[in-house]
Amino acid sequence: MIILASSTGYAILAAVGSAFVIVLGYIASILFRSGEFAAYARRMAFLDEKNVKMELSFANKTSRSKTYKNLGLAIKSKRGYERVSFLSHPPFVKGQDSLQVGHSLSLFVGKGEKATFVIDFHLSELSDAQYCLFCQVGKRGFVASIDLNSYNAKPIYFRPISNKAFSTLIG
């Protein structure tokens, strides 16, 4: 009788666990279809704190190629976003010979590909404000919070912002 109760408990636990995984997969698919995407960023350590150089890794799991353009850094404040720097020169494509940097300082990632870019920004001063990385994919603008005080690789999550807010960043 005790053995039977234990196996029933394991079966219930397995069923609940499976349902939980299915729900998490469903939520992930909704977020993926909503236009949000994720990347990994790691700030590289240099003597000049105003020179912000970082590795930015994208994984394009869609069936279309993606171009990330109008990359820059902004500060988030109570009034919204304030641009502090655009991408200063063409990024270095790390480890992927088949991938290429697009026109006008944009990043290109083919369908089903992964790419790592080394990007460079120059700031007039480094403050304790909350920094954000912004870019444009298609006609939509996206922004992601980024920690410039850490030199560890961390996931960053881009989320869409309004066209009005994005036009003030690139304008």
N, C-alpha and C. Protein backbone atom coordinates (compact mmCIF):
# COMPACT_ATOMS: atom_id res chain seq x y z
N MET A 1 0.81 -1.19 0.00
CA MET A 1 0.00 0.00 0.00
C MET A 1 0.86 1.26 0.00
N ILE A 2 1.96 1.25 0.77
CA ILE A 2 2.84 2.42 0.83
C ILE A 2 3.55 2.61 -0.51
N ILE A 3 3.95 1.52 -1.15
CA ILE A 3 4.63 1.61 -2.44
C ILE A 3 3.67 2.17 -3.48
N LEU A 4 2.42 1.79 -3.45
CA LEU A 4 1.43 2.27 -4.39
C LEU A 4 1.20 3.76 -4.22
N ALA A 5 1.16 4.25 -3.00
CA ALA A 5 0.96 5.68 -2.75
C ALA A 5 2.14 6.49 -3.25
N SER A 6 3.35 5.98 -3.11
CA SER A 6 4.54 6.69 -3.58
C SER A 6 4.55 6.81 -5.09
N SER A 7 4.21 5.74 -5.80
CA SER A 7 4.22 5.80 -7.26
C SER A 7 3.10 6.71 -7.77
N THR A 8 1.98 6.77 -7.08
CA THR A 8 0.91 7.70 -7.45
C THR A 8 1.37 9.14 -7.26
N GLY A 9 2.08 9.38 -6.17
CA GLY A 9 2.60 10.73 -5.92
C GLY A 9 3.59 11.16 -6.98
N TYR A 10 4.45 10.22 -7.41
CA TYR A 10 5.41 10.54 -8.47
C TYR A 10 4.69 10.81 -9.79
N ALA A 11 3.66 10.08 -10.05
CA ALA A 11 2.90 10.28 -11.30
C ALA A 11 2.24 11.66 -11.29
N ILE A 12 1.68 12.05 -10.17
CA ILE A 12 1.05 13.38 -10.07
C ILE A 12 2.09 14.47 -10.21
N LEU A 13 3.23 14.29 -9.56
CA LEU A 13 4.31 15.26 -9.65
C LEU A 13 4.83 15.39 -11.08
N ALA A 14 4.94 14.29 -11.78
CA ALA A 14 5.39 14.31 -13.18
C ALA A 14 4.36 15.02 -14.06
N ALA A 15 3.09 14.79 -13.83
CA ALA A 15 2.04 15.44 -14.62
C ALA A 15 2.03 16.94 -14.38
N VAL A 16 2.18 17.36 -13.12
CA VAL A 16 2.20 18.80 -12.80
C VAL A 16 3.44 19.44 -13.42
N GLY A 17 4.59 18.76 -13.33
CA GLY A 17 5.82 19.29 -13.93
C GLY A 17 5.71 19.43 -15.43
N SER A 18 5.12 18.45 -16.09
CA SER A 18 4.94 18.51 -17.54
C SER A 18 4.02 19.66 -17.93
N ALA A 19 2.94 19.85 -17.18
CA ALA A 19 2.02 20.96 -17.46
C ALA A 19 2.73 22.29 -17.28
N PHE A 20 3.57 22.40 -16.26
CA PHE A 20 4.31 23.64 -16.01
C PHE A 20 5.26 23.96 -17.17
N VAL A 21 5.95 22.95 -17.69
CA VAL A 21 6.86 23.14 -18.82
C VAL A 21 6.08 23.57 -20.07
N ILE A 22 4.93 23.00 -20.30
CA ILE A 22 4.10 23.37 -21.45
C ILE A 22 3.64 24.82 -21.34
N VAL A 23 3.22 25.23 -20.15
CA VAL A 23 2.79 26.62 -19.94
C VAL A 23 3.95 27.58 -20.17
N LEU A 24 5.14 27.25 -19.67
CA LEU A 24 6.32 28.10 -19.88
C LEU A 24 6.66 28.20 -21.37
N GLY A 25 6.55 27.11 -22.10
CA GLY A 25 6.80 27.12 -23.54
C GLY A 25 5.80 27.99 -24.26
N TYR A 26 4.55 27.94 -23.85
CA TYR A 26 3.50 28.77 -24.45
C TYR A 26 3.79 30.25 -24.20
N ILE A 27 4.17 30.59 -22.98
CA ILE A 27 4.49 31.99 -22.66
C ILE A 27 5.70 32.46 -23.47
N ALA A 28 6.71 31.61 -23.60
CA ALA A 28 7.89 31.97 -24.39
C ALA A 28 7.52 32.21 -25.85
N SER A 29 6.63 31.40 -26.40
CA SER A 29 6.24 31.60 -27.80
C SER A 29 5.46 32.89 -27.98
N ILE A 30 4.65 33.27 -27.01
CA ILE A 30 3.93 34.55 -27.08
C ILE A 30 4.91 35.71 -27.05
N LEU A 31 5.90 35.66 -26.16
CA LEU A 31 6.90 36.72 -26.10
C LEU A 31 7.71 36.79 -27.38
N PHE A 32 8.04 35.65 -27.96
CA PHE A 32 8.81 35.62 -29.18
C PHE A 32 8.03 36.25 -30.33
N ARG A 33 6.74 35.97 -30.41
CA ARG A 33 5.92 36.53 -31.47
C ARG A 33 5.59 37.98 -31.24
N SER A 34 5.74 38.50 -30.02
CA SER A 34 5.38 39.89 -29.75
C SER A 34 6.44 40.86 -30.25
N GLY A 35 7.54 40.37 -30.80
CA GLY A 35 8.56 41.25 -31.36
C GLY A 35 9.71 41.50 -30.42
N GLU A 36 9.66 41.00 -29.22
CA GLU A 36 10.77 41.19 -28.31
C GLU A 36 11.84 40.17 -28.63
N PHE A 37 13.08 40.52 -28.37
CA PHE A 37 14.17 39.59 -28.60
C PHE A 37 15.24 39.80 -27.55
N ALA A 38 16.09 38.82 -27.43
CA ALA A 38 17.13 38.87 -26.40
C ALA A 38 18.50 38.78 -27.05
N ALA A 39 19.48 39.23 -26.32
CA ALA A 39 20.88 39.16 -26.75
C ALA A 39 21.73 39.04 -25.50
N TYR A 40 23.01 38.82 -25.69
CA TYR A 40 23.96 38.81 -24.58
C TYR A 40 24.94 39.94 -24.79
N ALA A 41 25.27 40.64 -23.72
CA ALA A 41 26.23 41.74 -23.80
C ALA A 41 27.29 41.56 -22.72
N ARG A 42 28.53 41.88 -23.09
CA ARG A 42 29.63 41.85 -22.12
C ARG A 42 30.51 43.05 -22.40
N ARG A 43 30.65 43.91 -21.40
CA ARG A 43 31.51 45.07 -21.54
C ARG A 43 32.96 44.63 -21.42
N MET A 44 33.78 45.18 -22.27
CA MET A 44 35.21 44.84 -22.26
C MET A 44 35.95 45.88 -21.43
N ALA A 45 36.91 45.45 -20.65
CA ALA A 45 37.64 46.33 -19.73
C ALA A 45 38.77 47.05 -20.45
N PHE A 46 38.77 48.37 -20.35
CA PHE A 46 39.84 49.20 -20.88
C PHE A 46 40.18 50.27 -19.85
N LEU A 47 41.31 50.93 -20.04
CA LEU A 47 41.72 51.96 -19.09
C LEU A 47 40.81 53.19 -19.15
N ASP A 48 40.40 53.56 -20.35
CA ASP A 48 39.54 54.73 -20.50
C ASP A 48 38.08 54.34 -20.26
N GLU A 49 37.51 54.78 -19.16
CA GLU A 49 36.12 54.43 -18.82
C GLU A 49 35.12 55.05 -19.79
N LYS A 50 35.50 56.12 -20.48
CA LYS A 50 34.58 56.78 -21.41
C LYS A 50 34.45 56.02 -22.73
N ASN A 51 35.41 55.15 -23.01
CA ASN A 51 35.35 54.33 -24.20
C ASN A 51 34.63 53.03 -23.85
N VAL A 52 33.40 52.91 -24.27
CA VAL A 52 32.59 51.73 -23.96
C VAL A 52 32.65 50.78 -25.14
N LYS A 53 33.35 49.69 -24.94
CA LYS A 53 33.48 48.65 -25.97
C LYS A 53 32.86 47.39 -25.40
N MET A 54 31.97 46.75 -26.16
CA MET A 54 31.30 45.56 -25.65
C MET A 54 31.08 44.54 -26.74
N GLU A 55 30.98 43.28 -26.31
CA GLU A 55 30.59 42.19 -27.18
C GLU A 55 29.08 42.05 -27.11
N LEU A 56 28.45 42.01 -28.25
CA LEU A 56 27.00 41.88 -28.33
C LEU A 56 26.70 40.66 -29.19
N SER A 57 26.01 39.67 -28.60
CA SER A 57 25.72 38.41 -29.30
C SER A 57 24.23 38.30 -29.56
N PHE A 58 23.89 38.01 -30.81
CA PHE A 58 22.50 37.80 -31.21
C PHE A 58 22.34 36.37 -31.72
N ALA A 59 21.18 35.79 -31.47
CA ALA A 59 20.81 34.50 -32.04
C ALA A 59 19.49 34.71 -32.77
N ASN A 60 19.52 34.62 -34.09
CA ASN A 60 18.34 34.82 -34.91
C ASN A 60 17.69 33.47 -35.15
N LYS A 61 16.61 33.19 -34.43
CA LYS A 61 15.94 31.90 -34.55
C LYS A 61 14.72 31.98 -35.47
N THR A 62 14.58 33.09 -36.18
CA THR A 62 13.45 33.25 -37.09
C THR A 62 13.79 32.71 -38.47
N SER A 63 12.83 32.71 -39.35
CA SER A 63 13.04 32.21 -40.71
C SER A 63 13.43 33.33 -41.68
N ARG A 64 13.70 34.54 -41.14
CA ARG A 64 14.12 35.67 -41.98
C ARG A 64 15.40 36.27 -41.42
N SER A 65 16.18 36.88 -42.28
CA SER A 65 17.37 37.59 -41.84
C SER A 65 16.95 38.85 -41.10
N LYS A 66 17.78 39.30 -40.16
CA LYS A 66 17.47 40.51 -39.40
C LYS A 66 18.61 41.50 -39.53
N THR A 67 18.23 42.76 -39.63
CA THR A 67 19.20 43.85 -39.67
C THR A 67 18.90 44.77 -38.50
N TYR A 68 19.91 44.99 -37.67
CA TYR A 68 19.79 45.87 -36.52
C TYR A 68 20.51 47.17 -36.89
N LYS A 69 19.77 48.27 -36.95
CA LYS A 69 20.39 49.53 -37.35
C LYS A 69 20.10 50.61 -36.32
N ASN A 70 20.74 51.75 -36.49
CA ASN A 70 20.62 52.89 -35.58
C ASN A 70 20.94 52.49 -34.14
N LEU A 71 22.04 51.80 -33.94
CA LEU A 71 22.45 51.39 -32.60
C LEU A 71 23.03 52.57 -31.83
N GLY A 72 22.68 52.64 -30.54
CA GLY A 72 23.22 53.70 -29.71
C GLY A 72 22.99 53.44 -28.24
N LEU A 73 23.55 54.31 -27.42
CA LEU A 73 23.37 54.26 -25.97
C LEU A 73 22.53 55.45 -25.55
N ALA A 74 21.67 55.22 -24.59
CA ALA A 74 20.81 56.28 -24.06
C ALA A 74 20.77 56.16 -22.54
N ILE A 75 20.36 57.23 -21.91
CA ILE A 75 20.14 57.24 -20.47
C ILE A 75 18.64 57.32 -20.24
N LYS A 76 18.13 56.47 -19.35
CA LYS A 76 16.72 56.51 -19.02
C LYS A 76 16.53 57.43 -17.82
N SER A 77 15.64 58.40 -17.98
CA SER A 77 15.33 59.33 -16.91
C SER A 77 13.82 59.42 -16.74
N LYS A 78 13.39 60.28 -15.86
CA LYS A 78 11.96 60.45 -15.64
C LYS A 78 11.27 61.04 -16.86
N ARG A 79 12.03 61.80 -17.67
CA ARG A 79 11.46 62.43 -18.86
C ARG A 79 11.44 61.49 -20.06
N GLY A 80 12.05 60.33 -19.93
CA GLY A 80 12.11 59.38 -21.04
C GLY A 80 13.55 58.99 -21.31
N TYR A 81 13.87 58.79 -22.58
CA TYR A 81 15.21 58.38 -22.97
C TYR A 81 15.95 59.56 -23.58
N GLU A 82 17.23 59.67 -23.24
CA GLU A 82 18.08 60.72 -23.78
C GLU A 82 19.32 60.07 -24.38
N ARG A 83 19.52 60.28 -25.68
CA ARG A 83 20.65 59.67 -26.38
C ARG A 83 21.96 60.27 -25.89
N VAL A 84 22.96 59.41 -25.64
CA VAL A 84 24.29 59.90 -25.24
C VAL A 84 25.36 59.54 -26.28
N SER A 85 25.12 58.51 -27.11
CA SER A 85 26.12 58.14 -28.11
C SER A 85 25.52 57.21 -29.15
N PHE A 86 25.94 57.40 -30.40
CA PHE A 86 25.63 56.45 -31.46
C PHE A 86 26.83 55.53 -31.64
N LEU A 87 26.64 54.47 -32.39
CA LEU A 87 27.73 53.58 -32.74
C LEU A 87 28.78 54.40 -33.47
N SER A 88 30.02 54.43 -32.95
CA SER A 88 31.00 55.37 -33.48
C SER A 88 31.70 54.90 -34.75
N HIS A 89 31.96 53.62 -34.92
CA HIS A 89 32.53 53.11 -36.16
C HIS A 89 32.07 51.67 -36.39
N PRO A 90 32.33 51.16 -37.59
CA PRO A 90 31.79 49.83 -37.91
C PRO A 90 32.19 48.78 -36.89
N PRO A 91 31.25 47.93 -36.52
CA PRO A 91 31.55 46.88 -35.55
C PRO A 91 32.43 45.80 -36.15
N PHE A 92 33.13 45.12 -35.28
CA PHE A 92 33.96 43.99 -35.66
C PHE A 92 33.12 42.73 -35.52
N VAL A 93 33.06 41.93 -36.57
CA VAL A 93 32.31 40.68 -36.54
C VAL A 93 33.24 39.61 -36.00
N LYS A 94 32.85 38.99 -34.90
CA LYS A 94 33.73 38.05 -34.20
C LYS A 94 33.35 36.60 -34.51
N GLY A 95 34.25 35.89 -35.15
CA GLY A 95 34.11 34.45 -35.31
C GLY A 95 33.14 33.97 -36.36
N GLN A 96 32.50 34.84 -37.09
CA GLN A 96 31.52 34.41 -38.08
C GLN A 96 31.88 35.04 -39.43
N ASP A 97 32.56 34.29 -40.28
CA ASP A 97 32.96 34.83 -41.57
C ASP A 97 31.79 34.99 -42.53
N SER A 98 30.74 34.19 -42.36
CA SER A 98 29.61 34.23 -43.28
C SER A 98 28.69 35.41 -43.01
N LEU A 99 28.82 36.03 -41.84
CA LEU A 99 27.98 37.16 -41.50
C LEU A 99 28.69 38.44 -41.88
N GLN A 100 27.92 39.46 -42.17
CA GLN A 100 28.54 40.71 -42.61
C GLN A 100 27.90 41.89 -41.91
N VAL A 101 28.66 42.96 -41.85
CA VAL A 101 28.14 44.21 -41.32
C VAL A 101 27.40 44.89 -42.46
N GLY A 102 26.19 45.33 -42.20
CA GLY A 102 25.37 45.95 -43.23
C GLY A 102 25.77 47.38 -43.51
N HIS A 103 24.99 48.03 -44.34
CA HIS A 103 25.24 49.42 -44.71
C HIS A 103 24.93 50.34 -43.53
N SER A 104 25.55 51.48 -43.51
CA SER A 104 25.32 52.56 -42.53
C SER A 104 25.37 52.07 -41.08
N LEU A 105 26.44 51.35 -40.76
CA LEU A 105 26.69 50.88 -39.39
C LEU A 105 25.53 50.07 -38.82
N SER A 106 25.05 49.14 -39.58
CA SER A 106 24.01 48.24 -39.10
C SER A 106 24.58 46.84 -38.98
N LEU A 107 23.93 46.01 -38.16
CA LEU A 107 24.37 44.65 -37.95
C LEU A 107 23.42 43.71 -38.68
N PHE A 108 23.97 42.74 -39.38
CA PHE A 108 23.16 41.80 -40.15
C PHE A 108 23.37 40.40 -39.59
N VAL A 109 22.27 39.70 -39.31
CA VAL A 109 22.33 38.32 -38.84
C VAL A 109 21.39 37.50 -39.72
N GLY A 110 21.95 36.50 -40.39
CA GLY A 110 21.15 35.66 -41.28
C GLY A 110 20.17 34.79 -40.52
N LYS A 111 19.22 34.23 -41.27
CA LYS A 111 18.19 33.40 -40.63
C LYS A 111 18.82 32.16 -40.02
N GLY A 112 18.44 31.86 -38.80
CA GLY A 112 18.94 30.71 -38.09
C GLY A 112 20.40 30.81 -37.66
N GLU A 113 21.02 31.97 -37.77
CA GLU A 113 22.44 32.15 -37.45
C GLU A 113 22.61 32.79 -36.08
N LYS A 114 23.82 32.67 -35.55
CA LYS A 114 24.25 33.38 -34.35
C LYS A 114 25.41 34.26 -34.74
N ALA A 115 25.49 35.43 -34.12
CA ALA A 115 26.59 36.34 -34.43
C ALA A 115 27.00 37.10 -33.19
N THR A 116 28.30 37.38 -33.12
CA THR A 116 28.85 38.19 -32.04
C THR A 116 29.58 39.36 -32.66
N PHE A 117 29.23 40.54 -32.21
CA PHE A 117 29.82 41.77 -32.71
C PHE A 117 30.53 42.48 -31.56
N VAL A 118 31.63 43.15 -31.88
CA VAL A 118 32.28 44.02 -30.91
C VAL A 118 31.94 45.44 -31.34
N ILE A 119 31.17 46.13 -30.50
CA ILE A 119 30.72 47.48 -30.82
C ILE A 119 31.40 48.48 -29.89
N ASP A 120 31.47 49.73 -30.34
CA ASP A 120 32.24 50.74 -29.64
C ASP A 120 31.44 52.04 -29.56
N PHE A 121 31.35 52.58 -28.36
CA PHE A 121 30.72 53.88 -28.13
C PHE A 121 31.69 54.77 -27.37
N HIS A 122 31.62 56.06 -27.62
CA HIS A 122 32.44 56.99 -26.86
C HIS A 122 31.50 57.94 -26.12
N LEU A 123 31.68 58.01 -24.80
CA LEU A 123 30.86 58.87 -23.95
C LEU A 123 31.66 60.09 -23.52
N SER A 124 30.98 61.21 -23.33
CA SER A 124 31.67 62.39 -22.81
C SER A 124 31.99 62.21 -21.34
N GLU A 125 31.12 61.51 -20.62
CA GLU A 125 31.38 61.16 -19.22
C GLU A 125 30.55 59.93 -18.87
N LEU A 126 31.04 59.15 -17.91
CA LEU A 126 30.33 57.97 -17.45
C LEU A 126 29.68 58.30 -16.12
N SER A 127 28.36 58.18 -16.06
CA SER A 127 27.64 58.52 -14.82
C SER A 127 27.02 57.26 -14.23
N ASP A 128 26.35 57.43 -13.11
CA ASP A 128 25.69 56.31 -12.44
C ASP A 128 24.26 56.11 -12.92
N ALA A 129 23.89 56.75 -14.00
CA ALA A 129 22.52 56.66 -14.52
C ALA A 129 22.27 55.27 -15.11
N GLN A 130 21.01 54.97 -15.36
CA GLN A 130 20.65 53.70 -15.99
C GLN A 130 20.80 53.84 -17.50
N TYR A 131 21.73 53.07 -18.05
CA TYR A 131 21.99 53.12 -19.49
C TYR A 131 21.15 52.08 -20.21
N CYS A 132 20.81 52.42 -21.46
CA CYS A 132 20.03 51.54 -22.31
C CYS A 132 20.68 51.48 -23.68
N LEU A 133 20.62 50.32 -24.29
CA LEU A 133 21.08 50.13 -25.66
C LEU A 133 19.82 50.17 -26.53
N PHE A 134 19.86 50.97 -27.60
CA PHE A 134 18.69 51.03 -28.48
C PHE A 134 19.09 50.66 -29.90
N CYS A 135 18.12 50.15 -30.64
CA CYS A 135 18.34 49.80 -32.05
C CYS A 135 16.99 49.78 -32.77
N GLN A 136 17.07 49.64 -34.07
CA GLN A 136 15.88 49.57 -34.90
C GLN A 136 15.91 48.28 -35.70
N VAL A 137 14.81 47.54 -35.67
CA VAL A 137 14.65 46.33 -36.47
C VAL A 137 13.40 46.55 -37.31
N GLY A 138 13.60 46.61 -38.62
CA GLY A 138 12.48 46.95 -39.50
C GLY A 138 12.08 48.40 -39.25
N LYS A 139 10.82 48.61 -38.97
CA LYS A 139 10.33 49.97 -38.70
C LYS A 139 10.15 50.23 -37.22
N ARG A 140 10.43 49.23 -36.36
CA ARG A 140 10.20 49.35 -34.92
C ARG A 140 11.49 49.68 -34.19
N GLY A 141 11.37 50.48 -33.15
CA GLY A 141 12.49 50.78 -32.28
C GLY A 141 12.44 49.93 -31.03
N PHE A 142 13.59 49.50 -30.56
CA PHE A 142 13.69 48.65 -29.38
C PHE A 142 14.73 49.22 -28.43
N VAL A 143 14.56 48.93 -27.15
CA VAL A 143 15.49 49.39 -26.13
C VAL A 143 15.69 48.28 -25.10
N ALA A 144 16.92 48.21 -24.55
CA ALA A 144 17.25 47.21 -23.53
C ALA A 144 18.13 47.85 -22.47
N SER A 145 17.82 47.61 -21.21
CA SER A 145 18.66 48.11 -20.11
C SER A 145 19.98 47.35 -20.12
N ILE A 146 21.05 48.09 -19.83
CA ILE A 146 22.38 47.49 -19.85
C ILE A 146 23.19 48.03 -18.68
N ASP A 147 24.00 47.17 -18.09
CA ASP A 147 24.82 47.54 -16.95
C ASP A 147 26.24 47.80 -17.42
N LEU A 148 26.66 49.07 -17.40
CA LEU A 148 28.01 49.41 -17.86
C LEU A 148 29.05 49.28 -16.76
N ASN A 149 28.63 48.96 -15.55
CA ASN A 149 29.58 48.80 -14.44
C ASN A 149 30.09 47.37 -14.32
N SER A 150 29.46 46.44 -15.00
CA SER A 150 29.84 45.03 -14.91
C SER A 150 30.59 44.61 -16.17
N TYR A 151 31.55 43.71 -16.00
CA TYR A 151 32.31 43.19 -17.13
C TYR A 151 31.96 41.72 -17.42
N ASN A 152 30.87 41.24 -16.85
CA ASN A 152 30.42 39.87 -17.06
C ASN A 152 29.38 39.83 -18.18
N ALA A 153 29.32 38.72 -18.89
CA ALA A 153 28.30 38.55 -19.92
C ALA A 153 26.94 38.39 -19.26
N LYS A 154 25.99 39.19 -19.70
CA LYS A 154 24.64 39.13 -19.13
C LYS A 154 23.62 39.17 -20.26
N PRO A 155 22.50 38.49 -20.08
CA PRO A 155 21.44 38.60 -21.10
C PRO A 155 20.79 39.98 -21.01
N ILE A 156 20.48 40.52 -22.15
CA ILE A 156 19.72 41.77 -22.20
C ILE A 156 18.48 41.51 -23.04
N TYR A 157 17.40 42.14 -22.67
CA TYR A 157 16.11 41.88 -23.32
C TYR A 157 15.61 43.16 -23.96
N PHE A 158 15.51 43.15 -25.28
CA PHE A 158 15.01 44.29 -26.01
C PHE A 158 13.50 44.26 -25.99
N ARG A 159 12.92 45.43 -25.76
CA ARG A 159 11.46 45.55 -25.80
C ARG A 159 11.11 46.74 -26.68
N PRO A 160 9.97 46.68 -27.35
CA PRO A 160 9.61 47.78 -28.25
C PRO A 160 9.27 49.05 -27.49
N ILE A 161 9.58 50.18 -28.09
CA ILE A 161 9.18 51.47 -27.55
C ILE A 161 8.37 52.19 -28.62
N SER A 162 7.69 53.23 -28.23
CA SER A 162 6.82 53.95 -29.16
C SER A 162 7.65 54.62 -30.25
N ASN A 163 7.02 54.84 -31.39
CA ASN A 163 7.72 55.50 -32.51
C ASN A 163 8.13 56.91 -32.14
N LYS A 164 7.33 57.58 -31.33
CA LYS A 164 7.65 58.95 -30.91
C LYS A 164 8.90 58.96 -30.03
N ALA A 165 8.98 58.04 -29.07
CA ALA A 165 10.15 57.96 -28.20
C ALA A 165 11.39 57.58 -28.99
N PHE A 166 11.26 56.68 -29.96
CA PHE A 166 12.41 56.27 -30.75
C PHE A 166 12.87 57.37 -31.69
N SER A 167 11.93 58.14 -32.22
CA SER A 167 12.33 59.23 -33.12
C SER A 167 13.13 60.31 -32.38
N THR A 168 12.86 60.50 -31.08
CA THR A 168 13.67 61.46 -30.32
C THR A 168 15.08 60.91 -30.08
N LEU A 169 15.23 59.59 -30.03
CA LEU A 169 16.55 59.00 -29.84
C LEU A 169 17.41 59.13 -31.10
N ILE A 170 16.84 58.91 -32.25
CA ILE A 170 17.64 58.92 -33.48
C ILE A 170 17.61 60.29 -34.16
N GLY A 171 16.70 61.15 -33.76
CA GLY A 171 16.54 62.46 -34.39
C GLY A 171 17.53 63.41 -33.99
